[in-house]
Amino acid sequence: MLVEDLVWSATPTPFLADGSLDDGGLERVVEQHRRVGVRGLFLGGTCGEGPFMPNDQRAELVRKIRRMGGRELHLAVQVSDTSAVRVRENMARAIDAGADSVVIAAPWLRPFVNRQFARRYFFEAVETPCAVPIGIYILPQPPETGIDLELWRDVAQHPRVTYVKDSLGTDDCRRMLLSVKSRRSDLAVRTGYEFDVLTPLRAGYDGCLLGTAILTGGLIARAASALVSGDVESARVWQARSNQLLYDLFRPDLSGWLAGLKYALCRRGIFNTEFSHLAYPLEDDDRQRIDAALQREREYL
């Protein structure tokens, strides 16, 4: 894999104050990713607030990014929902809108999910004929859902699943996925844990897919490039710089997640508003800290 393919972005979505898509912001999202060398965009994921968007708006997002980015960018689109039937409908919509691949995460209605439901949810969806590659998105799940490493393993082994985003980030999950990968040369595995991309890359992952790559992509690309060239110490330095930026954006306890990123993107002139469907508040000292961090790392953002 080329070094420039190592970092993909689970990009946030720019909205206007009324919750509609911000076309100017979308144009700048495309240009920002081009500038930092990111080739793959994951649209409508957790950071992209896809679960909170109407179906028509998610399709509109894909169509607009496709038109603005041409075929230069790989567009992966999250199609998760509350049932396999709805996932299949979302897959068709995403493909019609221009998706290059679709990604299935766990069902949204966690309190009502059990192991039998979860197996049907994933397998009925991935066994549906699909014109584009299918990925899965591994996130932590409550034990009562039955969505555990055994189930993730079974889904990852399915021949129609071609890549995995691992945001669980545990040693057990990494060993499981690498074991599956050893038997499936066509399976690509990307880490979604942005505080340590080096460990999974050294272990054999194919790259990373990060919710802050729209800003940290330049730092993480340098970490990955140094690792590929054998300069582990420099790779660790770049990872540490990225981590400090993340803590500045989100606070050490991550309680400012997404809000800090949207504020930073406004300060960088990429987003026009901080509108989010999620109500993570920022204080004045948060904004001052983020401003200082953006100034510190301005050369690489």
Protein backbone atom coordinates (compact mmCIF):
# COMPACT_ATOMS: atom_id res chain seq x y z
CA MET A 1 0.00 0.00 0.00
CA LEU A 2 1.21 3.51 -0.82
CA VAL A 3 2.07 5.76 2.13
CA GLU A 4 -0.51 8.31 0.96
CA ASP A 5 -3.20 5.61 1.30
CA LEU A 6 -2.40 4.97 4.97
CA VAL A 7 -4.60 7.74 6.38
CA TRP A 8 -8.33 8.01 5.66
CA SER A 9 -10.70 10.50 7.26
CA ALA A 10 -14.01 9.88 9.03
CA THR A 11 -14.92 13.45 8.28
CA PRO A 12 -17.29 15.68 10.25
CA THR A 13 -20.17 17.25 8.34
CA PRO A 14 -20.45 21.04 7.92
CA PHE A 15 -23.97 22.33 8.57
CA LEU A 16 -25.55 25.74 8.37
CA ALA A 17 -27.23 27.13 11.48
CA ASP A 18 -30.56 25.58 10.45
CA GLY A 19 -29.07 22.07 10.12
CA SER A 20 -28.94 22.06 6.33
CA LEU A 21 -25.72 21.11 4.53
CA ASP A 22 -23.21 23.91 4.04
CA ASP A 23 -22.12 23.71 0.39
CA GLY A 24 -19.23 26.11 0.89
CA GLY A 25 -18.04 24.08 3.86
CA LEU A 26 -18.27 20.87 1.83
CA GLU A 27 -16.09 22.39 -0.91
CA ARG A 28 -13.48 23.31 1.70
CA VAL A 29 -13.71 19.84 3.30
CA VAL A 30 -12.72 18.34 -0.06
CA GLU A 31 -9.90 20.83 -0.56
CA GLN A 32 -8.59 20.38 3.00
CA HIS A 33 -8.33 16.62 2.59
CA ARG A 34 -6.58 17.03 -0.72
CA ARG A 35 -4.14 19.45 0.89
CA VAL A 36 -3.20 17.10 3.74
CA GLY A 37 -2.95 14.12 1.36
CA VAL A 38 -6.00 12.12 2.48
CA ARG A 39 -7.51 10.00 -0.30
CA GLY A 40 -10.38 8.26 1.49
CA LEU A 41 -13.40 9.90 3.14
CA PHE A 42 -15.83 8.09 5.43
CA LEU A 43 -19.13 9.98 5.24
CA GLY A 44 -22.04 9.86 7.67
CA GLY A 45 -20.17 8.01 10.40
CA THR A 46 -20.15 8.83 14.10
CA CYS A 47 -18.05 11.98 13.68
CA GLY A 48 -20.09 12.85 10.58
CA GLU A 49 -23.37 12.66 12.58
CA GLY A 50 -24.90 10.36 9.99
CA PRO A 51 -27.26 8.64 12.47
CA PHE A 52 -28.88 12.02 13.21
CA MET A 53 -29.38 13.05 9.59
CA PRO A 54 -32.51 12.37 7.50
CA ASN A 55 -32.02 9.72 4.82
CA ASP A 56 -32.41 12.27 2.02
CA GLN A 57 -29.78 14.52 3.58
CA ARG A 58 -27.24 11.70 3.89
CA ALA A 59 -27.75 10.89 0.21
CA GLU A 60 -27.42 14.58 -0.63
CA LEU A 61 -24.14 14.69 1.29
CA VAL A 62 -22.72 11.82 -0.75
CA ARG A 63 -23.89 13.31 -4.07
CA LYS A 64 -22.36 16.69 -3.31
CA ILE A 65 -19.00 15.32 -2.13
CA ARG A 66 -18.90 13.04 -5.18
CA ARG A 67 -19.48 15.99 -7.50
CA MET A 68 -16.98 18.23 -5.70
CA GLY A 69 -14.26 15.60 -5.28
CA GLY A 70 -14.67 13.78 -8.57
CA ARG A 71 -13.16 10.31 -8.63
CA GLU A 72 -9.98 11.38 -6.87
CA LEU A 73 -11.41 10.48 -3.45
CA HIS A 74 -12.72 7.12 -2.29
CA LEU A 75 -16.10 7.72 -0.64
CA ALA A 76 -17.05 5.19 2.03
CA VAL A 77 -20.56 5.74 3.41
CA GLN A 78 -21.97 4.48 6.70
CA VAL A 79 -25.28 2.66 6.16
CA SER A 80 -26.05 1.46 9.70
CA ASP A 81 -29.63 1.59 10.95
CA THR A 82 -32.11 -0.26 13.16
CA SER A 83 -32.58 -3.42 11.06
CA ALA A 84 -31.08 -5.35 8.16
CA VAL A 85 -33.95 -4.22 5.92
CA ARG A 86 -33.14 -0.57 6.57
CA VAL A 87 -29.42 -1.20 6.12
CA ARG A 88 -30.11 -2.72 2.70
CA GLU A 89 -32.20 0.32 1.76
CA ASN A 90 -29.40 2.62 2.91
CA MET A 91 -26.88 0.65 0.87
CA ALA A 92 -28.93 1.16 -2.29
CA ARG A 93 -29.35 4.87 -1.58
CA ALA A 94 -25.63 5.35 -0.92
CA ILE A 95 -24.63 3.55 -4.10
CA ASP A 96 -27.11 5.57 -6.16
CA ALA A 97 -25.63 8.74 -4.67
CA GLY A 98 -22.09 7.77 -5.68
CA ALA A 99 -20.56 5.74 -2.84
CA ASP A 100 -17.44 3.71 -3.64
CA SER A 101 -18.05 1.45 -0.65
CA VAL A 102 -20.52 1.09 2.23
CA VAL A 103 -19.81 0.53 5.92
CA ILE A 104 -22.01 -1.26 8.46
CA ALA A 105 -21.68 -0.50 12.16
CA ALA A 106 -23.79 -1.95 14.98
CA PRO A 107 -27.56 -1.30 15.12
CA TRP A 108 -28.59 2.04 16.57
CA LEU A 109 -31.22 0.71 19.00
CA ARG A 110 -28.82 -0.92 21.47
CA PRO A 111 -31.33 -1.55 24.31
CA PHE A 112 -33.35 -3.80 22.00
CA VAL A 113 -30.46 -5.74 20.44
CA ASN A 114 -29.66 -9.33 21.32
CA ARG A 115 -27.25 -11.82 19.76
CA GLN A 116 -29.79 -13.42 17.42
CA PHE A 117 -30.98 -10.02 16.20
CA ALA A 118 -27.38 -8.83 15.74
CA ARG A 119 -26.42 -11.85 13.62
CA ARG A 120 -29.42 -11.32 11.37
CA TYR A 121 -28.66 -7.60 11.18
CA PHE A 122 -25.13 -8.12 9.88
CA PHE A 123 -25.46 -11.29 7.83
CA GLU A 124 -28.71 -10.44 6.03
CA ALA A 125 -27.09 -7.16 5.02
CA VAL A 126 -23.70 -8.48 3.88
CA GLU A 127 -25.29 -11.39 2.01
CA THR A 128 -27.35 -8.99 -0.08
CA PRO A 129 -25.85 -8.57 -3.57
CA CYS A 130 -23.98 -5.26 -3.53
CA ALA A 131 -22.33 -3.37 -6.39
CA VAL A 132 -19.57 -1.90 -4.18
CA PRO A 133 -17.27 -3.26 -1.45
CA ILE A 134 -18.69 -3.65 2.06
CA GLY A 135 -16.85 -2.67 5.23
CA ILE A 136 -17.68 -3.11 8.91
CA TYR A 137 -17.08 -0.61 11.71
CA ILE A 138 -16.16 -2.14 15.08
CA LEU A 139 -17.16 -0.01 18.06
CA PRO A 140 -17.51 -1.01 21.74
CA GLN A 141 -20.90 -2.57 22.46
CA PRO A 142 -22.71 -3.42 25.72
CA PRO A 143 -22.36 -7.13 26.59
CA GLU A 144 -26.12 -7.68 26.54
CA THR A 145 -26.25 -7.00 22.77
CA GLY A 146 -24.22 -10.13 22.06
CA ILE A 147 -22.01 -8.11 19.69
CA ASP A 148 -18.67 -9.44 20.87
CA LEU A 149 -15.35 -10.49 19.34
CA GLU A 150 -16.78 -13.82 18.23
CA LEU A 151 -19.51 -12.10 16.23
CA TRP A 152 -17.13 -9.50 14.79
CA ARG A 153 -14.84 -12.35 13.76
CA ASP A 154 -17.66 -14.19 12.01
CA VAL A 155 -18.69 -11.05 10.12
CA ALA A 156 -15.09 -10.14 9.19
CA GLN A 157 -14.63 -13.64 7.75
CA HIS A 158 -17.55 -13.19 5.35
CA PRO A 159 -16.22 -13.06 1.76
CA ARG A 160 -18.27 -9.97 0.93
CA VAL A 161 -16.64 -7.95 3.72
CA THR A 162 -13.52 -6.37 2.23
CA TYR A 163 -12.36 -3.99 4.97
CA VAL A 164 -12.71 -3.26 8.67
CA LYS A 165 -12.47 -0.10 10.75
CA ASP A 166 -11.35 -1.12 14.24
CA SER A 167 -12.27 1.53 16.81
CA LEU A 168 -12.29 -0.99 19.65
CA GLY A 169 -8.52 -0.80 19.78
CA THR A 170 -7.93 -3.69 22.19
CA ASP A 171 -5.17 -6.27 21.98
CA ASP A 172 -7.74 -9.05 21.73
CA CYS A 173 -9.56 -7.39 18.84
CA ARG A 174 -6.29 -6.72 17.02
CA ARG A 175 -5.18 -10.34 17.37
CA MET A 176 -8.56 -11.55 16.15
CA LEU A 177 -8.56 -9.30 13.08
CA LEU A 178 -4.97 -10.14 12.17
CA SER A 179 -5.81 -13.84 12.47
CA VAL A 180 -8.71 -13.36 10.04
CA LYS A 181 -6.50 -11.26 7.78
CA SER A 182 -3.88 -14.00 7.70
CA ARG A 183 -6.47 -16.27 6.07
CA ARG A 184 -7.96 -13.56 3.85
CA SER A 185 -5.38 -11.70 1.76
CA ASP A 186 -8.16 -9.49 0.34
CA LEU A 187 -9.22 -8.10 3.73
CA ALA A 188 -7.95 -4.62 4.63
CA VAL A 189 -7.94 -3.54 8.28
CA ARG A 190 -7.72 0.09 9.42
CA THR A 191 -7.47 1.37 12.97
CA GLY A 192 -9.90 4.01 14.16
CA TYR A 193 -8.07 4.60 17.45
CA GLU A 194 -6.28 7.88 16.80
CA PHE A 195 -4.27 8.02 20.02
CA ASP A 196 -2.10 5.10 18.87
CA VAL A 197 -1.98 4.31 15.16
CA LEU A 198 1.59 3.01 15.41
CA THR A 199 0.92 -0.21 17.33
CA PRO A 200 -1.66 -1.60 14.88
CA LEU A 201 0.37 -0.44 11.86
CA ARG A 202 3.45 -2.22 13.18
CA ALA A 203 1.34 -5.31 13.87
CA GLY A 204 0.11 -5.49 10.27
CA TYR A 205 -2.88 -3.16 9.84
CA ASP A 206 -3.23 -1.55 6.43
CA GLY A 207 -3.84 2.01 7.60
CA CYS A 208 -6.03 4.20 9.76
CA LEU A 209 -9.46 5.81 9.45
CA LEU A 210 -9.67 8.70 11.88
CA GLY A 211 -12.37 11.14 12.95
CA THR A 212 -9.91 14.02 13.26
CA ALA A 213 -7.84 13.35 10.14
CA ILE A 214 -9.30 16.52 8.58
CA LEU A 215 -6.95 18.31 11.01
CA THR A 216 -4.46 15.69 12.25
CA GLY A 217 -3.96 14.01 8.87
CA GLY A 218 -0.69 15.84 8.25
CA LEU A 219 0.71 14.84 11.64
CA ILE A 220 -0.44 11.22 11.43
CA ALA A 221 0.77 10.87 7.82
CA ARG A 222 4.21 11.93 9.01
CA ALA A 223 4.05 9.41 11.85
CA ALA A 224 3.03 6.64 9.43
CA SER A 225 5.69 7.63 6.88
CA ALA A 226 8.39 7.60 9.54
CA LEU A 227 7.22 4.18 10.73
CA VAL A 228 7.26 2.76 7.19
CA SER A 229 10.79 4.08 6.70
CA GLY A 230 11.93 2.44 9.95
CA ASP A 231 12.31 5.65 11.99
CA VAL A 232 10.24 4.56 14.97
CA GLU A 233 11.43 7.37 17.24
CA SER A 234 10.29 10.08 14.81
CA ALA A 235 7.01 8.23 14.35
CA ARG A 236 6.42 8.39 18.10
CA VAL A 237 7.19 12.11 18.16
CA TRP A 238 4.59 12.81 15.45
CA GLN A 239 2.03 10.60 17.20
CA ALA A 240 2.64 12.47 20.47
CA ARG A 241 2.12 15.82 18.72
CA SER A 242 -1.14 14.57 17.26
CA ASN A 243 -2.25 13.31 20.68
CA GLN A 244 -1.54 16.67 22.29
CA LEU A 245 -3.63 18.37 19.62
CA LEU A 246 -6.47 15.92 20.29
CA TYR A 247 -6.39 16.64 24.03
CA ASP A 248 -6.36 20.36 23.29
CA LEU A 249 -9.41 19.95 21.06
CA PHE A 250 -11.41 17.60 23.28
CA ARG A 251 -9.99 18.04 26.84
CA PRO A 252 -8.07 15.18 28.50
CA ASP A 253 -11.34 13.42 29.44
CA LEU A 254 -12.65 13.88 25.84
CA SER A 255 -15.78 15.61 27.17
CA GLY A 256 -15.47 18.27 24.46
CA TRP A 257 -15.53 15.71 21.64
CA LEU A 258 -16.78 16.99 18.28
CA ALA A 259 -17.60 20.47 19.62
CA GLY A 260 -13.89 21.24 19.87
CA LEU A 261 -13.25 19.88 16.39
CA LYS A 262 -16.06 21.94 14.86
CA TYR A 263 -14.82 25.08 16.63
CA ALA A 264 -11.31 24.44 15.31
CA LEU A 265 -12.61 23.92 11.77
CA CYS A 266 -14.45 27.25 11.99
CA ARG A 267 -11.27 28.94 13.20
CA ARG A 268 -9.42 27.39 10.26
CA GLY A 269 -12.02 28.81 7.87
CA ILE A 270 -13.22 25.37 6.73
CA PHE A 271 -16.61 25.34 8.48
CA ASN A 272 -18.92 28.35 8.67
CA THR A 273 -20.82 27.30 11.81
CA GLU A 274 -20.31 25.09 14.85
CA PHE A 275 -23.78 23.57 14.44
CA SER A 276 -23.97 19.99 15.68
CA HIS A 277 -26.80 17.61 16.50
CA LEU A 278 -24.82 16.70 19.64
CA ALA A 279 -24.78 19.16 22.54
CA TYR A 280 -21.19 19.06 23.77
CA PRO A 281 -20.59 22.52 25.35
CA LEU A 282 -17.36 24.51 25.10
CA GLU A 283 -16.15 27.08 27.61
CA ASP A 284 -14.06 30.19 26.94
CA ASP A 285 -10.92 28.48 28.26
CA ASP A 286 -11.53 25.61 25.81
CA ARG A 287 -11.59 28.05 22.91
CA GLN A 288 -8.41 29.77 24.10
CA ARG A 289 -6.64 26.42 24.43
CA ILE A 290 -7.77 25.32 20.96
CA ASP A 291 -6.70 28.64 19.43
CA ALA A 292 -3.22 28.19 20.94
CA ALA A 293 -3.01 24.60 19.64
CA LEU A 294 -3.98 25.65 16.12
CA GLN A 295 -1.33 28.34 16.17
CA ARG A 296 1.27 25.86 17.45
CA GLU A 297 0.60 23.27 14.73
CA ARG A 298 -0.47 25.62 11.92
CA GLU A 299 2.32 24.40 9.62
CA TYR A 300 0.90 20.85 9.54
CA LEU A 301 -2.87 21.42 9.65
